């Protein structure tokens, strides 16, 4: 036992010090140990805790003693030889850095990172129902069509058979390459799969089956209307909107929850989410931010058309908000055939008459057509067929020269009636655009007949003095635009003709128009109207019979003015 050298001991002067001393944990300087002979010995205590094996960093470059030992004191011994260059080469070959090994280690590291990223992306796809990059059957079909067919029923295909599709395939690959790369990246498909179409298809099938299995096992619920609306607001492309909407439309029951607002329904709560309006707003936001509007117009029209087909298969109808959007965008794209289709669908479902909000789309459609025809280079409409079809859409005339009420002309007159809830100013602007388009199409006789047919209806809704003067100026300006493009007028005609007969003559006269006159800026009409003293003596009165009126027009020599030549 080791005794203290001091004769006195430590005395505590108070109870507080005794308590502290009793509870204080002392560290032993020496540790008592017993050896193999049962003898006691002491060692200095290590106050630091031992390091855990996990905290010790691992080293890959272990050091190994070479098999060549040098004894500096054995110089001249017969058991020691001198080191030569062969020893140096052998040691360098054994211990030098191996490029192949480093490359293998680098590839292994990349593979591990790729696997981790692939698993993370796959988990995000499975856990997020609002992820727009979830694979669907259309993606699988697109990947399958990318694979070049080698044999059909064990018969080799000829090179000539594959030559034409390969050209179309290259064009489609250029358009869909960016989308396909994003699909692979977001679904955790490795980049090397893009180099082989067969491998790409196998990867996509694997991810698609995994997604379906996960949805079934977890009994995943579809997105609620509020969740779908929030996801739509975050989209920045038409492709994202399209993928999100079609992922959400899994069945007819789900479609009814999203588009439950039927035509004429007024019992819905104001707090209910209108998915149709959310889709429309999302598409318009993309259009406002995108510079390539012509391409985006076609994307939106394709998306709405596919959505209408899907809803039709479920027994539902495309809502008025999307039908009106398709109508105005088809006019902006200059596709009169699509405009005719969407206008007809609106009339079949009575959307234009029953929904006041749809009047804005009708007004915008007429304004866009007037802008395209008045400003060369915008929207096309340089083909005879397109202009004749546009006149049919305006007036509702068919092949038998009979007029239909399903026309753009009937809507401004309907909105100007007393039963309509559309503001009078908006309805008159629509009628003004209608007359402007008639003028750009060269419908001289139709303008004369509208003075006697529709002008009295419009006059009743305008102010007595200012409105009549404004309406007269509209007719005279439209007539000047029509004379700028119309072919020479025939003086041999009856004193009066029905509206359908006048439209039919103007319809066939479009084919005889000079196409160069369509390229003249229509804004020059304002200059022409001032130069000929509109409203005083420049134009004959519209109250004259048709034959006398045309004769007066020929006498004034206003047709094809110098600005249009």
Protein backbone atom coordinates (compact mmCIF):
# COMPACT_ATOMS: atom_id res chain seq x y z
CA UNK A 1 0.00 0.00 0.00
CA UNK A 2 1.29 3.42 -0.95
CA UNK A 3 1.04 5.81 1.96
CA UNK A 4 0.90 9.56 1.81
CA UNK A 5 4.06 11.46 2.78
CA UNK A 6 2.08 14.19 4.50
CA UNK A 7 1.27 13.63 8.19
CA UNK A 8 -1.98 15.51 8.00
CA UNK A 9 -5.14 14.72 6.09
CA UNK A 10 -7.63 16.87 4.26
CA UNK A 11 -10.32 18.21 6.50
CA UNK A 12 -13.65 19.51 5.19
CA UNK A 13 -14.79 22.65 6.91
CA UNK A 14 -18.49 22.49 6.13
CA UNK A 15 -21.29 20.06 5.34
CA UNK A 16 -21.56 21.51 1.81
CA UNK A 17 -17.96 20.57 1.11
CA UNK A 18 -18.59 17.11 2.49
CA UNK A 19 -21.56 16.64 0.15
CA UNK A 20 -19.53 17.79 -2.86
CA UNK A 21 -16.66 15.49 -1.95
CA UNK A 22 -18.98 12.53 -1.43
CA UNK A 23 -20.70 13.01 -4.82
CA UNK A 24 -17.59 13.96 -6.77
CA UNK A 25 -16.33 11.31 -9.19
CA UNK A 26 -12.58 10.86 -8.86
CA UNK A 27 -10.42 9.55 -11.66
CA UNK A 28 -7.89 6.92 -10.56
CA UNK A 29 -4.31 7.61 -11.49
CA UNK A 30 -3.27 3.97 -11.25
CA UNK A 31 -5.17 0.86 -12.19
CA UNK A 32 -4.67 -2.31 -10.18
CA UNK A 33 -3.97 -5.37 -12.34
CA UNK A 34 -2.99 -9.04 -11.71
CA UNK A 35 -0.50 -10.88 -13.88
CA UNK A 36 -0.38 -14.57 -14.73
CA UNK A 37 1.48 -15.37 -11.46
CA UNK A 38 -1.28 -13.75 -9.43
CA UNK A 39 0.97 -10.89 -8.50
CA UNK A 40 -0.47 -7.41 -8.22
CA UNK A 41 0.92 -4.55 -10.28
CA UNK A 42 -0.26 -1.08 -11.15
CA UNK A 43 -0.43 0.76 -14.46
CA UNK A 44 -1.14 4.38 -15.30
CA UNK A 45 -4.81 4.93 -16.09
CA UNK A 46 -5.78 6.16 -19.60
CA UNK A 47 -8.37 8.84 -18.97
CA UNK A 48 -9.46 9.01 -22.60
CA UNK A 49 -12.14 6.55 -23.70
CA UNK A 50 -11.00 4.00 -26.24
CA UNK A 51 -11.76 4.83 -29.85
CA UNK A 52 -14.46 2.82 -31.53
CA UNK A 53 -13.43 0.86 -34.61
CA UNK A 54 -16.00 2.84 -36.67
CA UNK A 55 -14.32 6.15 -35.88
CA UNK A 56 -10.97 5.01 -37.27
CA UNK A 57 -10.76 6.09 -40.94
CA UNK A 58 -10.31 3.28 -43.41
CA UNK A 59 -7.33 3.33 -45.76
CA UNK A 60 -7.31 1.69 -49.14
CA UNK A 61 -3.60 2.18 -49.83
CA UNK A 62 -2.17 -0.32 -47.28
CA UNK A 63 1.58 -0.39 -46.89
CA UNK A 64 3.35 -3.68 -47.40
CA UNK A 65 7.00 -4.36 -46.57
CA UNK A 66 8.93 -5.40 -49.66
CA UNK A 67 10.56 -8.78 -49.78
CA UNK A 68 13.96 -7.13 -50.23
CA UNK A 69 15.65 -6.21 -46.91
CA UNK A 70 18.75 -4.02 -46.91
CA UNK A 71 21.34 -4.37 -44.18
CA UNK A 72 23.61 -1.36 -44.29
CA UNK A 73 26.12 -3.01 -41.92
CA UNK A 74 26.51 -6.05 -44.16
CA UNK A 75 28.45 -4.32 -46.88
CA UNK A 76 30.83 -6.78 -48.48
CA UNK A 77 29.04 -9.87 -47.12
CA UNK A 78 28.57 -12.75 -49.49
CA UNK A 79 24.94 -13.04 -48.33
CA UNK A 80 24.10 -9.53 -49.54
CA UNK A 81 23.90 -8.47 -53.16
CA UNK A 82 23.70 -5.08 -54.77
CA UNK A 83 20.31 -3.74 -55.97
CA UNK A 84 20.12 -3.24 -59.71
CA UNK A 85 17.69 -1.71 -62.26
CA UNK A 86 15.74 -4.95 -62.51
CA UNK A 87 14.79 -4.60 -58.87
CA UNK A 88 13.64 -1.03 -59.48
CA UNK A 89 11.50 -2.08 -62.45
CA UNK A 90 10.00 -4.97 -60.51
CA UNK A 91 9.11 -2.76 -57.56
CA UNK A 92 7.63 -0.04 -59.77
CA UNK A 93 5.54 -2.62 -61.62
CA UNK A 94 4.21 -3.94 -58.31
CA UNK A 95 3.67 -0.73 -56.37
CA UNK A 96 3.10 1.91 -59.03
CA UNK A 97 -0.42 3.36 -59.66
CA UNK A 98 -2.40 1.16 -62.06
CA UNK A 99 -4.51 3.24 -64.50
CA UNK A 100 -6.83 0.34 -65.21
CA UNK A 101 -7.45 -0.12 -61.50
CA UNK A 102 -8.16 3.59 -61.06
CA UNK A 103 -10.55 3.55 -64.01
CA UNK A 104 -12.34 0.54 -62.58
CA UNK A 105 -12.63 2.25 -59.22
CA UNK A 106 -14.00 5.39 -60.88
CA UNK A 107 -16.56 3.38 -62.84
CA UNK A 108 -17.56 1.55 -59.70
CA UNK A 109 -18.07 4.85 -57.90
CA UNK A 110 -20.20 6.18 -60.77
CA UNK A 111 -22.24 3.00 -60.81
CA UNK A 112 -22.94 3.28 -57.09
CA UNK A 113 -24.00 6.90 -57.46
CA UNK A 114 -26.17 6.01 -60.44
CA UNK A 115 -27.87 3.20 -58.55
CA UNK A 116 -28.54 5.49 -55.57
CA UNK A 117 -29.97 8.21 -57.83
CA UNK A 118 -32.05 5.66 -59.74
CA UNK A 119 -33.55 4.34 -56.52
CA UNK A 120 -34.26 7.85 -55.27
CA UNK A 121 -36.05 8.81 -58.51
CA UNK A 122 -38.03 5.57 -58.54
CA UNK A 123 -39.14 6.10 -54.93
CA UNK A 124 -40.22 9.66 -55.74
CA UNK A 125 -42.26 8.44 -58.71
CA UNK A 126 -43.96 5.77 -56.60
CA UNK A 127 -44.71 8.02 -53.64
CA UNK A 128 -45.94 11.15 -55.46
CA UNK A 129 -49.25 10.75 -57.35
CA UNK A 130 -48.90 14.29 -58.77
CA UNK A 131 -45.57 13.54 -60.45
CA UNK A 132 -46.09 14.27 -64.15
CA UNK A 133 -43.28 11.94 -65.22
CA UNK A 134 -45.01 8.75 -64.22
CA UNK A 135 -44.91 6.32 -67.13
CA UNK A 136 -48.15 5.49 -68.91
CA UNK A 137 -49.20 3.17 -71.70
CA UNK A 138 -48.62 5.90 -74.30
CA UNK A 139 -44.97 6.19 -73.24
CA UNK A 140 -44.55 2.43 -73.57
CA UNK A 141 -46.10 2.50 -77.03
CA UNK A 142 -43.83 5.35 -78.09
CA UNK A 143 -40.79 3.42 -76.88
CA UNK A 144 -41.96 0.33 -78.74
CA UNK A 145 -42.39 2.29 -81.96
CA UNK A 146 -38.81 3.53 -81.63
CA UNK A 147 -37.51 -0.05 -81.93
CA UNK A 148 -36.80 -0.79 -85.61
CA UNK A 149 -38.70 -3.92 -86.68
CA UNK A 150 -36.28 -6.59 -87.81
CA UNK A 151 -38.54 -9.51 -88.63
CA UNK A 152 -42.27 -10.01 -88.94
CA UNK A 153 -43.34 -13.62 -88.61
CA UNK A 154 -39.71 -14.67 -89.19
CA UNK A 155 -39.65 -12.79 -92.53
CA UNK A 156 -36.94 -10.22 -93.12
CA UNK A 157 -38.23 -6.78 -94.07
CA UNK A 158 -36.79 -5.19 -97.17
CA UNK A 159 -34.77 -2.00 -97.08
CA UNK A 160 -37.27 -0.21 -99.30
CA UNK A 161 -40.08 -0.89 -96.85
CA UNK A 162 -38.15 0.68 -93.98
CA UNK A 163 -36.80 3.64 -95.93
CA UNK A 164 -39.90 5.88 -95.76
CA UNK A 165 -40.73 5.23 -92.09
CA UNK A 166 -37.11 5.87 -91.15
CA UNK A 167 -37.37 9.45 -92.44
CA UNK A 168 -40.53 10.06 -90.46
CA UNK A 169 -38.92 8.34 -87.50
CA UNK A 170 -35.97 10.72 -87.58
CA UNK A 171 -38.30 13.70 -87.54
CA UNK A 172 -40.29 12.31 -84.61
CA UNK A 173 -37.09 11.45 -82.74
CA UNK A 174 -35.87 15.02 -83.07
CA UNK A 175 -39.15 16.30 -81.59
CA UNK A 176 -39.43 13.75 -78.77
CA UNK A 177 -35.77 13.37 -77.83
CA UNK A 178 -35.91 15.96 -75.05
CA UNK A 179 -39.12 14.50 -73.63
CA UNK A 180 -37.71 10.98 -73.72
CA UNK A 181 -34.50 12.02 -71.97
CA UNK A 182 -36.55 13.66 -69.22
CA UNK A 183 -38.72 10.56 -68.85
CA UNK A 184 -35.68 8.34 -68.45
CA UNK A 185 -33.99 10.68 -65.99
CA UNK A 186 -37.06 11.16 -63.80
CA UNK A 187 -37.88 7.44 -63.73
CA UNK A 188 -34.39 6.36 -62.76
CA UNK A 189 -33.57 4.75 -66.11
CA UNK A 190 -29.81 4.81 -66.73
CA UNK A 191 -28.52 6.98 -69.59
CA UNK A 192 -26.97 4.04 -71.46
CA UNK A 193 -30.49 2.72 -72.12
CA UNK A 194 -31.01 5.55 -74.62
CA UNK A 195 -28.33 4.01 -76.83
CA UNK A 196 -30.30 0.81 -77.45
CA UNK A 197 -34.04 0.93 -78.16
CA UNK A 198 -34.55 -2.65 -77.02
CA UNK A 199 -32.87 -1.97 -73.69
CA UNK A 200 -34.88 1.24 -73.34
CA UNK A 201 -38.14 -0.63 -73.85
CA UNK A 202 -37.17 -3.24 -71.27
CA UNK A 203 -36.33 -0.57 -68.71
CA UNK A 204 -39.58 1.30 -69.33
CA UNK A 205 -41.63 -1.88 -69.02
CA UNK A 206 -39.84 -2.67 -65.78
CA UNK A 207 -40.60 0.76 -64.32
CA UNK A 208 -44.18 0.73 -65.61
CA UNK A 209 -44.97 -2.66 -64.08
CA UNK A 210 -43.35 -1.60 -60.81
CA UNK A 211 -45.52 1.53 -60.75
CA UNK A 212 -48.72 -0.41 -61.41
CA UNK A 213 -47.85 -2.97 -58.77
CA UNK A 214 -47.10 -0.25 -56.21
CA UNK A 215 -50.39 1.56 -56.92
CA UNK A 216 -52.32 -1.69 -56.49
CA UNK A 217 -50.56 -2.79 -53.30
CA UNK A 218 -50.87 0.60 -51.61
CA UNK A 219 -54.45 1.20 -52.83
CA UNK A 220 -53.39 4.65 -53.97
CA UNK A 221 -56.22 7.19 -54.02
CA UNK A 222 -56.63 9.57 -56.98
CA UNK A 223 -55.84 13.25 -56.62
CA UNK A 224 -58.59 15.36 -55.13
CA UNK A 225 -59.81 18.37 -57.17
CA UNK A 226 -57.93 20.76 -54.89
CA UNK A 227 -54.72 18.73 -55.21
CA UNK A 228 -55.06 18.61 -59.00
CA UNK A 229 -55.68 22.36 -59.12
CA UNK A 230 -52.57 23.04 -57.02
CA UNK A 231 -50.49 20.78 -59.27
CA UNK A 232 -51.81 22.53 -62.39
CA UNK A 233 -50.76 25.92 -61.07
CA UNK A 234 -47.15 24.76 -60.78
CA UNK A 235 -46.85 23.52 -64.38
CA UNK A 236 -44.66 25.41 -66.84
CA UNK A 237 -45.33 23.54 -70.09
CA UNK A 238 -48.26 22.16 -72.05
CA UNK A 239 -46.68 18.70 -71.95
CA UNK A 240 -46.68 18.85 -68.15
CA UNK A 241 -50.34 19.92 -68.06
CA UNK A 242 -51.30 17.18 -70.49
CA UNK A 243 -49.48 14.45 -68.58
CA UNK A 244 -50.87 15.59 -65.24
CA UNK A 245 -54.48 15.70 -66.45
CA UNK A 246 -54.41 12.35 -68.22
CA UNK A 247 -52.68 10.69 -65.25
CA UNK A 248 -55.50 11.97 -63.05
CA UNK A 249 -58.26 10.73 -65.39
CA UNK A 250 -58.04 7.08 -64.51
CA UNK A 251 -61.72 6.21 -64.92
CA UNK A 252 -65.12 7.66 -65.68
CA UNK A 253 -65.97 8.06 -61.99
CA UNK A 254 -62.85 10.13 -61.41
CA UNK A 255 -63.61 12.25 -64.49
CA UNK A 256 -67.05 13.06 -63.10
CA UNK A 257 -65.51 14.31 -59.85
CA UNK A 258 -63.28 16.70 -61.80
CA UNK A 259 -65.85 17.82 -64.39
CA UNK A 260 -69.06 17.48 -62.40
CA UNK A 261 -70.32 20.91 -63.42
CA UNK A 262 -72.91 20.21 -66.10
CA UNK A 263 -74.39 22.66 -68.55
CA UNK A 264 -76.88 24.90 -66.87
CA UNK A 265 -75.99 23.74 -63.36
CA UNK A 266 -76.21 26.50 -60.77
CA UNK A 267 -76.43 24.54 -57.54
CA UNK A 268 -72.70 24.11 -57.06
CA UNK A 269 -70.96 25.72 -54.17
CA UNK A 270 -68.87 28.77 -54.92
CA UNK A 271 -65.97 27.20 -53.04
CA UNK A 272 -65.87 24.17 -55.34
CA UNK A 273 -62.80 23.87 -57.53
CA UNK A 274 -63.49 24.24 -61.26
CA UNK A 275 -60.90 21.99 -62.89
CA UNK A 276 -61.83 23.17 -66.39
CA UNK A 277 -60.99 26.77 -65.49
CA UNK A 278 -57.79 25.68 -63.77
CA UNK A 279 -56.69 23.85 -66.94
CA UNK A 280 -57.59 26.87 -69.05
CA UNK A 281 -55.65 29.26 -66.80
CA UNK A 282 -52.63 26.96 -66.76
CA UNK A 283 -52.60 26.82 -70.58
CA UNK A 284 -52.94 30.60 -70.87
CA UNK A 285 -50.07 31.11 -68.40
CA UNK A 286 -47.82 28.93 -70.56
CA UNK A 287 -48.92 30.84 -73.68
CA UNK A 288 -48.09 34.18 -72.08
CA UNK A 289 -44.56 33.08 -71.17
CA UNK A 290 -43.66 31.13 -74.31
CA UNK A 291 -42.19 32.94 -77.31
CA UNK A 292 -43.02 30.18 -79.83
CA UNK A 293 -46.75 30.76 -79.71
CA UNK A 294 -47.52 29.07 -83.01
CA UNK A 295 -46.16 25.74 -81.78
CA UNK A 296 -47.83 26.12 -78.38
CA UNK A 297 -51.19 26.80 -80.06
CA UNK A 298 -50.98 23.43 -81.80
CA UNK A 299 -49.97 21.71 -78.54
CA UNK A 300 -52.97 23.13 -76.70
CA UNK A 301 -55.37 22.24 -79.52
CA UNK A 302 -54.04 18.69 -79.61
CA UNK A 303 -54.34 18.40 -75.82
CA UNK A 304 -57.93 19.72 -75.71
CA UNK A 305 -58.95 17.48 -78.60
CA UNK A 306 -57.56 14.39 -76.85
CA UNK A 307 -59.21 15.44 -73.60
CA UNK A 308 -62.56 15.83 -75.37
CA UNK A 309 -62.19 12.33 -76.83
CA UNK A 310 -61.35 10.87 -73.40
CA UNK A 311 -64.31 12.57 -71.73
CA UNK A 312 -66.59 11.45 -74.56
CA UNK A 313 -65.58 7.83 -73.93
CA UNK A 314 -66.65 8.33 -70.31
CA UNK A 315 -69.98 9.81 -71.35
CA UNK A 316 -69.00 13.35 -70.31
CA UNK A 317 -68.84 16.60 -72.27
CA UNK A 318 -65.93 18.99 -72.59
CA UNK A 319 -66.68 22.04 -70.40
CA UNK A 320 -67.43 25.40 -72.07
CA UNK A 321 -64.25 26.99 -70.70
CA UNK A 322 -62.07 24.55 -72.69
CA UNK A 323 -64.31 24.56 -75.76
CA UNK A 324 -64.08 28.36 -75.96
CA UNK A 325 -60.31 28.22 -75.47
CA UNK A 326 -59.97 25.73 -78.34
CA UNK A 327 -62.15 27.99 -80.54
CA UNK A 328 -60.04 31.10 -80.03
CA UNK A 329 -56.71 29.25 -80.30
CA UNK A 330 -57.75 27.58 -83.55
CA UNK A 331 -58.52 31.05 -84.90
CA UNK A 332 -55.15 32.33 -83.65
CA UNK A 333 -53.43 29.42 -85.44
CA UNK A 334 -55.35 30.19 -88.63
CA UNK A 335 -56.84 26.67 -88.83
CA UNK A 336 -60.37 27.30 -90.08
CA UNK A 337 -61.20 23.60 -90.13
CA UNK A 338 -60.55 23.33 -86.40
CA UNK A 339 -62.50 26.53 -85.79
CA UNK A 340 -65.48 25.03 -87.62
CA UNK A 341 -65.29 21.87 -85.49
CA UNK A 342 -65.17 23.67 -82.13
CA UNK A 343 -67.85 26.16 -83.17
CA UNK A 344 -70.12 23.26 -84.13
CA UNK A 345 -69.50 21.48 -80.82
CA UNK A 346 -70.43 24.60 -78.94
CA UNK A 347 -73.70 24.91 -80.81
CA UNK A 348 -74.53 21.21 -80.33
CA UNK A 349 -74.15 21.52 -76.56
CA UNK A 350 -75.77 25.02 -76.49
CA UNK A 351 -72.70 26.49 -74.85
CA UNK A 352 -72.58 29.80 -76.69
CA UNK A 353 -76.18 30.65 -75.84
CA UNK A 354 -76.34 29.47 -72.21
CA UNK A 355 -72.94 30.50 -70.87
CA UNK A 356 -72.29 34.22 -70.71
CA UNK A 357 -68.57 33.68 -70.14
CA UNK A 358 -68.30 32.02 -73.56
CA UNK A 359 -69.16 35.32 -75.25
CA UNK A 360 -65.62 36.50 -74.51
CA UNK A 361 -64.19 33.64 -76.56
CA UNK A 362 -66.55 34.42 -79.44
CA UNK A 363 -65.52 38.08 -79.37
CA UNK A 364 -61.84 37.15 -79.26
CA UNK A 365 -62.27 34.74 -82.18
CA UNK A 366 -63.86 37.41 -84.37
CA UNK A 367 -61.22 39.95 -83.37
CA UNK A 368 -58.41 37.53 -84.21
CA UNK A 369 -59.85 36.81 -87.66
CA UNK A 370 -60.17 40.54 -88.34
CA UNK A 371 -56.58 41.05 -87.22
CA UNK A 372 -55.26 38.21 -89.40
CA UNK A 373 -57.04 39.47 -92.50
CA UNK A 374 -56.12 43.11 -91.89
CA UNK A 375 -52.44 42.46 -91.11
CA UNK A 376 -50.64 40.41 -93.79
CA UNK A 377 -48.22 37.84 -92.43
CA UNK A 378 -50.28 36.95 -89.34
CA UNK A 379 -52.26 33.74 -89.16
CA UNK A 380 -52.16 32.79 -92.82
CA UNK A 381 -55.61 32.60 -94.49
CA UNK A 382 -54.00 33.01 -97.92
CA UNK A 383 -55.79 30.05 -99.51
CA UNK A 384 -59.12 30.36 -101.33
CA UNK A 385 -60.51 27.38 -99.43
CA UNK A 386 -59.69 28.93 -96.04
CA UNK A 387 -61.37 32.22 -96.93
CA UNK A 388 -64.45 30.51 -98.30
CA UNK A 389 -64.70 28.33 -95.19
CA UNK A 390 -64.33 31.42 -93.01
CA UNK A 391 -67.25 33.06 -94.85
CA UNK A 392 -69.27 29.92 -94.17
CA UNK A 393 -68.41 30.10 -90.47
CA UNK A 394 -69.43 33.75 -90.35
CA UNK A 395 -72.77 33.42 -92.12
CA UNK A 396 -73.75 29.75 -91.75
CA UNK A 397 -74.33 29.17 -95.48
CA UNK A 398 -74.12 25.62 -96.78
CA UNK A 399 -73.79 23.96 -100.17
CA UNK A 400 -77.51 24.47 -100.91
CA UNK A 401 -77.22 28.24 -100.29
CA UNK A 402 -79.35 27.99 -97.16
CA UNK A 403 -78.46 29.79 -93.95
CA UNK A 404 -78.01 28.06 -90.61
CA UNK A 405 -78.45 29.66 -87.23
CA UNK A 406 -75.26 27.95 -86.07
CA UNK A 407 -72.94 30.72 -87.23
CA UNK A 408 -70.77 33.47 -85.82
CA UNK A 409 -73.22 36.02 -87.26
CA UNK A 410 -76.10 34.78 -85.12
CA UNK A 411 -74.24 35.19 -81.84
CA UNK A 412 -73.73 39.01 -81.81
CA UNK A 413 -77.38 39.44 -82.79
CA UNK A 414 -78.37 37.08 -79.98
CA UNK A 415 -76.23 38.95 -77.46
CA UNK A 416 -77.75 42.28 -78.54
CA UNK A 417 -81.26 41.10 -77.65
CA UNK A 418 -82.96 42.20 -74.46
CA UNK A 419 -82.92 38.70 -72.95
CA UNK A 420 -79.12 38.45 -73.13
CA UNK A 421 -76.93 39.12 -70.10
CA UNK A 422 -73.94 40.06 -72.26
CA UNK A 423 -73.08 43.80 -72.03
CA UNK A 424 -74.26 45.80 -75.03
CA UNK A 425 -70.84 47.28 -75.72
CA UNK A 426 -69.25 43.85 -75.88
CA UNK A 427 -71.99 42.54 -78.16
CA UNK A 428 -71.62 45.53 -80.49
CA UNK A 429 -67.84 45.02 -80.64
CA UNK A 430 -68.52 41.46 -81.78
CA UNK A 431 -70.85 42.71 -84.49
CA UNK A 432 -68.27 45.29 -85.52
CA UNK A 433 -65.63 42.56 -85.86
CA UNK A 434 -68.08 40.48 -87.91
CA UNK A 435 -68.64 43.33 -90.37
CA UNK A 436 -64.88 44.01 -90.53
CA UNK A 437 -64.17 40.39 -91.48
CA UNK A 438 -66.86 40.56 -94.17
CA UNK A 439 -65.09 43.58 -95.60
CA UNK A 440 -61.69 41.86 -95.66
CA UNK A 441 -63.25 38.88 -97.44
CA UNK A 442 -64.66 41.12 -100.21
CA UNK A 443 -68.31 40.32 -99.43
CA UNK A 444 -69.73 43.48 -101.10
CA UNK A 445 -73.27 42.19 -101.68
CA UNK A 446 -73.47 40.66 -98.19
CA UNK A 447 -72.59 44.04 -96.65
CA UNK A 448 -75.36 45.71 -98.70
CA UNK A 449 -77.90 43.08 -97.58
CA UNK A 450 -76.86 43.27 -93.93
CA UNK A 451 -77.72 46.97 -94.04
CA UNK A 452 -81.33 45.97 -94.65
CA UNK A 453 -81.46 42.82 -92.47
CA UNK A 454 -79.28 43.09 -89.34
CA UNK A 455 -78.71 46.85 -89.10
CA UNK A 456 -82.26 47.58 -87.81
CA UNK A 457 -81.76 44.95 -85.08
CA UNK A 458 -78.47 46.49 -83.99
CA UNK A 459 -79.86 50.05 -84.14
CA UNK A 460 -82.48 49.29 -81.48
CA UNK A 461 -79.75 48.56 -78.91
CA UNK A 462 -77.66 51.70 -79.64
CA UNK A 463 -78.03 55.31 -78.67
CA UNK A 464 -80.24 57.32 -81.05
CA UNK A 465 -77.68 59.76 -82.49
CA UNK A 466 -74.16 58.60 -81.73
CA UNK A 467 -74.90 54.92 -82.25
CA UNK A 468 -76.49 55.35 -85.69
CA UNK A 469 -73.60 57.49 -86.93
CA UNK A 470 -71.10 54.94 -85.62
CA UNK A 471 -72.96 52.10 -87.31
CA UNK A 472 -73.08 53.96 -90.63
CA UNK A 473 -69.35 54.58 -90.51
CA UNK A 474 -68.78 50.87 -89.78
CA UNK A 475 -70.70 49.84 -92.93
CA UNK A 476 -68.91 52.33 -95.13
CA UNK A 477 -65.48 51.34 -93.82
CA UNK A 478 -66.27 47.65 -94.31
CA UNK A 479 -67.43 48.37 -97.86
CA UNK A 480 -64.16 50.14 -98.67
CA UNK A 481 -62.22 47.10 -97.41
CA UNK A 482 -64.38 44.83 -99.54
CA UNK A 483 -63.86 46.93 -102.68
CA UNK A 484 -60.10 46.69 -102.13
CA UNK A 485 -60.05 42.90 -102.67
CA UNK A 486 -63.28 42.11 -104.55
CA UNK A 487 -63.19 41.28 -108.30
CA UNK A 488 -65.02 43.56 -110.78
CA UNK A 489 -68.69 43.71 -109.88
CA UNK A 490 -71.27 42.59 -112.42
CA UNK A 491 -73.95 45.17 -113.06
CA UNK A 492 -76.47 42.61 -114.28
CA UNK A 493 -78.25 41.62 -111.09
CA UNK A 494 -81.80 41.85 -109.72
CA UNK A 495 -82.89 44.85 -107.67
CA UNK A 496 -83.04 42.72 -104.57
CA UNK A 497 -81.65 39.38 -103.43
CA UNK A 498 -82.06 37.23 -100.37
CA UNK A 499 -79.26 37.18 -97.82
CA UNK A 500 -78.36 33.61 -98.72
CA UNK A 501 -78.13 34.50 -102.42
CA UNK A 502 -75.87 37.48 -101.73
CA UNK A 503 -73.59 35.35 -99.55
CA UNK A 504 -73.46 32.61 -102.20
CA UNK A 505 -72.36 35.10 -104.91
CA UNK A 506 -69.70 36.53 -102.61
CA UNK A 507 -68.61 32.99 -101.69
CA UNK A 508 -67.86 32.10 -105.31
CA UNK A 509 -66.31 35.49 -106.04
CA UNK A 510 -63.50 34.78 -103.54
CA UNK A 511 -61.97 32.40 -106.09
CA UNK A 512 -61.81 35.25 -108.64
CA UNK A 513 -60.04 37.67 -106.28
CA UNK A 514 -56.48 38.76 -106.87
CA UNK A 515 -54.32 37.05 -104.24
CA UNK A 516 -51.92 40.01 -104.25
CA UNK A 517 -54.66 42.23 -102.86
CA UNK A 518 -54.78 39.99 -99.75
CA UNK A 519 -51.21 40.99 -98.90
CA UNK A 520 -51.99 44.71 -98.70
CA UNK A 521 -52.17 46.08 -95.18
CA UNK A 522 -55.84 46.57 -94.30
CA UNK A 523 -55.05 49.53 -92.07
CA UNK A 524 -54.89 51.65 -95.22
CA UNK A 525 -58.68 51.51 -95.30
CA UNK A 526 -58.83 54.36 -92.80
CA UNK A 527 -56.80 56.53 -95.18
CA UNK A 528 -59.05 55.58 -98.08
CA UNK A 529 -62.19 56.39 -96.07
CA UNK A 530 -60.90 59.91 -95.37
CA UNK A 531 -59.84 60.54 -98.97
CA UNK A 532 -63.25 59.68 -100.45
CA UNK A 533 -65.24 61.68 -97.88
CA UNK A 534 -67.14 58.85 -96.26
CA UNK A 535 -70.72 59.72 -95.39
CA UNK A 536 -70.98 62.69 -97.75
CA UNK A 537 -70.58 61.92 -101.47
CA UNK A 538 -67.94 59.22 -101.70
CA UNK A 539 -70.22 56.18 -101.52
CA UNK A 540 -73.72 55.58 -102.80
CA UNK A 541 -76.52 55.15 -100.30
CA UNK A 542 -77.13 51.63 -99.04
CA UNK A 543 -80.88 52.31 -99.40
CA UNK A 544 -80.66 52.04 -103.20
CA UNK A 545 -81.71 48.82 -104.96
CA UNK A 546 -78.86 46.38 -105.47
CA UNK A 547 -78.50 46.86 -109.23
CA UNK A 548 -78.49 50.66 -108.97
CA UNK A 549 -76.18 50.54 -105.98
CA UNK A 550 -73.60 48.42 -107.84
CA UNK A 551 -73.84 50.70 -110.85
CA UNK A 552 -73.15 53.72 -108.63
CA UNK A 553 -70.15 51.91 -107.14
CA UNK A 554 -68.74 51.32 -110.62
CA UNK A 555 -69.26 54.98 -111.47
CA UNK A 556 -67.39 56.21 -108.42
CA UNK A 557 -64.39 54.07 -109.50
CA UNK A 558 -63.58 53.15 -105.88
CA UNK A 559 -62.83 49.54 -106.61
CA UNK A 560 -59.16 48.48 -106.44
CA UNK A 561 -57.76 51.88 -105.41
CA UNK A 562 -54.11 52.76 -106.07
CA UNK A 563 -53.08 51.74 -102.55
CA UNK A 564 -54.10 48.17 -103.31
CA UNK A 565 -52.37 47.87 -106.67
